[in-house]
């Protein structure tokens, strides 16, 4: 695979993940609250809406701090939405005892 093909696959992955995040946040919280979350991410973590896939660890940390125990529910919904977008229909269960489980699962699907 050429560098250009790898970049295109990575860009597509990031675009799909960012869309899954946006779709999930809007479905769970509604558009007004989702915009507040995006503003919080940008102001406090320097994560813009279109950069979430590139800054997964920071996004995960921000969600944990902002939503506390609710973060795991939202992350599960994001994973299910992302998997569905890839044509992978499976039920997602997060253990809840590992902070980076969300990031690890997304990284396993990232183009190499």
C-alpha atoms as a PDB file:
ATOM      1  CA  UNK A   1       0.000   0.000   0.000  1.00  0.00           C
ATOM      2  CA  UNK A   2       1.326   3.409  -0.914  1.00  0.00           C
ATOM      3  CA  UNK A   3       1.604   6.322   1.477  1.00  0.00           C
ATOM      4  CA  UNK A   4      -1.228   8.097  -0.355  1.00  0.00           C
ATOM      5  CA  UNK A   5      -3.529   5.074   0.020  1.00  0.00           C
ATOM      6  CA  UNK A   6      -2.719   4.871   3.715  1.00  0.00           C
ATOM      7  CA  UNK A   7      -3.442   8.588   4.157  1.00  0.00           C
ATOM      8  CA  UNK A   8      -6.770   8.261   2.310  1.00  0.00           C
ATOM      9  CA  UNK A   9      -7.784   5.301   4.497  1.00  0.00           C
ATOM     10  CA  UNK A  10      -6.771   7.182   7.636  1.00  0.00           C
ATOM     11  CA  UNK A  11      -8.687  10.277   6.521  1.00  0.00           C
ATOM     12  CA  UNK A  12     -11.779   8.157   5.817  1.00  0.00           C
ATOM     13  CA  UNK A  13     -11.464   6.459   9.224  1.00  0.00           C
ATOM     14  CA  UNK A  14     -11.193   9.827  10.977  1.00  0.00           C
ATOM     15  CA  UNK A  15     -14.130  11.247   9.032  1.00  0.00           C
ATOM     16  CA  UNK A  16     -16.309   8.234   9.894  1.00  0.00           C
ATOM     17  CA  UNK A  17     -15.328   8.376  13.558  1.00  0.00           C
ATOM     18  CA  UNK A  18     -15.974  12.110  13.816  1.00  0.00           C
ATOM     19  CA  UNK A  19     -19.405  11.575  12.233  1.00  0.00           C
ATOM     20  CA  UNK A  20     -20.184   8.734  14.651  1.00  0.00           C
ATOM     21  CA  UNK A  21     -19.268  10.986  17.592  1.00  0.00           C
ATOM     22  CA  UNK A  22     -21.395  13.840  16.272  1.00  0.00           C
ATOM     23  CA  UNK A  23     -24.362  11.588  15.508  1.00  0.00           C
ATOM     24  CA  UNK A  24     -24.201  10.002  18.951  1.00  0.00           C
ATOM     25  CA  UNK A  25     -23.811  13.243  20.891  1.00  0.00           C
ATOM     26  CA  UNK A  26     -26.735  14.792  19.022  1.00  0.00           C
ATOM     27  CA  UNK A  27     -28.902  11.724  19.559  1.00  0.00           C
ATOM     28  CA  UNK A  28     -28.095  11.465  23.267  1.00  0.00           C
ATOM     29  CA  UNK A  29     -27.980  15.147  24.228  1.00  0.00           C
ATOM     30  CA  UNK A  30     -29.658  17.106  21.434  1.00  0.00           C
ATOM     31  CA  UNK A  31     -28.083  19.818  19.319  1.00  0.00           C
ATOM     32  CA  UNK A  32     -27.876  22.580  21.949  1.00  0.00           C
ATOM     33  CA  UNK A  33     -26.103  20.438  24.541  1.00  0.00           C
ATOM     34  CA  UNK A  34     -23.872  18.911  21.847  1.00  0.00           C
ATOM     35  CA  UNK A  35     -22.727  22.394  20.851  1.00  0.00           C
ATOM     36  CA  UNK A  36     -21.979  23.138  24.510  1.00  0.00           C
ATOM     37  CA  UNK A  37     -19.894  19.949  24.705  1.00  0.00           C
ATOM     38  CA  UNK A  38     -17.965  20.922  21.549  1.00  0.00           C
ATOM     39  CA  UNK A  39     -17.321  24.391  22.960  1.00  0.00           C
ATOM     40  CA  UNK A  40     -16.095  22.837  26.211  1.00  0.00           C
ATOM     41  CA  UNK A  41     -13.794  20.466  24.308  1.00  0.00           C
ATOM     42  CA  UNK A  42     -12.323  23.294  22.266  1.00  0.00           C
ATOM     43  CA  UNK A  43     -11.934  25.773  25.124  1.00  0.00           C
ATOM     44  CA  UNK A  44     -10.624  23.370  27.756  1.00  0.00           C
ATOM     45  CA  UNK A  45      -8.870  20.611  25.787  1.00  0.00           C
ATOM     46  CA  UNK A  46      -7.997  22.264  22.447  1.00  0.00           C
ATOM     47  CA  UNK A  47     -10.055  19.638  20.601  1.00  0.00           C
ATOM     48  CA  UNK A  48     -12.080  20.889  17.665  1.00  0.00           C
ATOM     49  CA  UNK A  49     -15.081  18.951  16.435  1.00  0.00           C
ATOM     50  CA  UNK A  50     -13.195  17.675  13.375  1.00  0.00           C
ATOM     51  CA  UNK A  51     -10.097  16.698  15.419  1.00  0.00           C
ATOM     52  CA  UNK A  52     -11.652  14.172  17.788  1.00  0.00           C
ATOM     53  CA  UNK A  53     -10.379  11.139  15.865  1.00  0.00           C
ATOM     54  CA  UNK A  54      -6.845  12.572  15.885  1.00  0.00           C
ATOM     55  CA  UNK A  55      -6.976  13.319  19.607  1.00  0.00           C
ATOM     56  CA  UNK A  56      -8.725  10.220  20.944  1.00  0.00           C
ATOM     57  CA  UNK A  57      -6.873  10.055  24.244  1.00  0.00           C
ATOM     58  CA  UNK A  58      -7.624  13.693  25.029  1.00  0.00           C
ATOM     59  CA  UNK A  59     -11.242  13.255  23.939  1.00  0.00           C
ATOM     60  CA  UNK A  60     -11.576  10.194  26.176  1.00  0.00           C
ATOM     61  CA  UNK A  61     -10.113  12.084  29.132  1.00  0.00           C
ATOM     62  CA  UNK A  62     -12.368  15.080  28.480  1.00  0.00           C
ATOM     63  CA  UNK A  63     -15.465  12.904  28.334  1.00  0.00           C
ATOM     64  CA  UNK A  64     -14.490  11.145  31.568  1.00  0.00           C
ATOM     65  CA  UNK A  65     -13.984  14.470  33.341  1.00  0.00           C
ATOM     66  CA  UNK A  66     -17.047  16.194  31.859  1.00  0.00           C
ATOM     67  CA  UNK A  67     -19.577  13.354  32.076  1.00  0.00           C
ATOM     68  CA  UNK A  68     -18.103  11.287  34.902  1.00  0.00           C
ATOM     69  CA  UNK A  69     -19.783   7.875  35.010  1.00  0.00           C
ATOM     70  CA  UNK A  70     -22.029   8.857  32.088  1.00  0.00           C
ATOM     71  CA  UNK A  71     -19.011   8.896  29.781  1.00  0.00           C
ATOM     72  CA  UNK A  72     -18.970   5.109  29.502  1.00  0.00           C
ATOM     73  CA  UNK A  73     -22.573   5.059  28.265  1.00  0.00           C
ATOM     74  CA  UNK A  74     -21.826   7.702  25.628  1.00  0.00           C
ATOM     75  CA  UNK A  75     -18.594   5.972  24.572  1.00  0.00           C
ATOM     76  CA  UNK A  76     -20.485   2.691  24.160  1.00  0.00           C
ATOM     77  CA  UNK A  77     -23.016   4.439  21.933  1.00  0.00           C
ATOM     78  CA  UNK A  78     -20.205   6.032  19.889  1.00  0.00           C
ATOM     79  CA  UNK A  79     -18.574   2.630  19.395  1.00  0.00           C
ATOM     80  CA  UNK A  80     -21.854   1.052  18.292  1.00  0.00           C
ATOM     81  CA  UNK A  81     -22.502   3.897  15.846  1.00  0.00           C
ATOM     82  CA  UNK A  82     -18.964   3.657  14.448  1.00  0.00           C
ATOM     83  CA  UNK A  83     -19.099  -0.139  14.139  1.00  0.00           C
ATOM     84  CA  UNK A  84     -22.466   0.136  12.401  1.00  0.00           C
ATOM     85  CA  UNK A  85     -20.987   2.625   9.926  1.00  0.00           C
ATOM     86  CA  UNK A  86     -18.330   0.039   9.115  1.00  0.00           C
ATOM     87  CA  UNK A  87     -20.952  -2.654   8.620  1.00  0.00           C
ATOM     88  CA  UNK A  88     -19.970  -4.405  11.857  1.00  0.00           C
ATOM     89  CA  UNK A  89     -23.143  -5.102  13.769  1.00  0.00           C
ATOM     90  CA  UNK A  90     -22.218  -6.191  17.238  1.00  0.00           C
ATOM     91  CA  UNK A  91     -23.282  -5.344  20.728  1.00  0.00           C
ATOM     92  CA  UNK A  92     -20.656  -3.358  22.601  1.00  0.00           C
ATOM     93  CA  UNK A  93     -19.960  -3.916  26.272  1.00  0.00           C
ATOM     94  CA  UNK A  94     -17.363  -1.804  28.020  1.00  0.00           C
ATOM     95  CA  UNK A  95     -15.823  -3.246  31.151  1.00  0.00           C
ATOM     96  CA  UNK A  96     -15.671   0.086  32.932  1.00  0.00           C
ATOM     97  CA  UNK A  97     -12.489  -0.778  34.770  1.00  0.00           C
ATOM     98  CA  UNK A  98     -10.066   0.472  32.125  1.00  0.00           C
ATOM     99  CA  UNK A  99      -9.929   4.161  31.258  1.00  0.00           C
ATOM    100  CA  UNK A 100      -8.562   3.613  27.773  1.00  0.00           C
ATOM    101  CA  UNK A 101     -10.802   0.733  26.695  1.00  0.00           C
ATOM    102  CA  UNK A 102     -12.773   3.081  24.410  1.00  0.00           C
ATOM    103  CA  UNK A 103      -9.580   4.325  22.731  1.00  0.00           C
ATOM    104  CA  UNK A 104      -8.118   0.805  22.475  1.00  0.00           C
ATOM    105  CA  UNK A 105     -11.194  -0.502  20.680  1.00  0.00           C
ATOM    106  CA  UNK A 106     -11.132   2.351  18.182  1.00  0.00           C
ATOM    107  CA  UNK A 107      -7.401   1.964  17.585  1.00  0.00           C
ATOM    108  CA  UNK A 108      -7.817  -1.723  16.666  1.00  0.00           C
ATOM    109  CA  UNK A 109      -9.835  -0.643  13.635  1.00  0.00           C
ATOM    110  CA  UNK A 110      -7.506   2.160  12.575  1.00  0.00           C
ATOM    111  CA  UNK A 111      -5.746   1.681   9.215  1.00  0.00           C
ATOM    112  CA  UNK A 112      -2.072   0.866   9.613  1.00  0.00           C
END
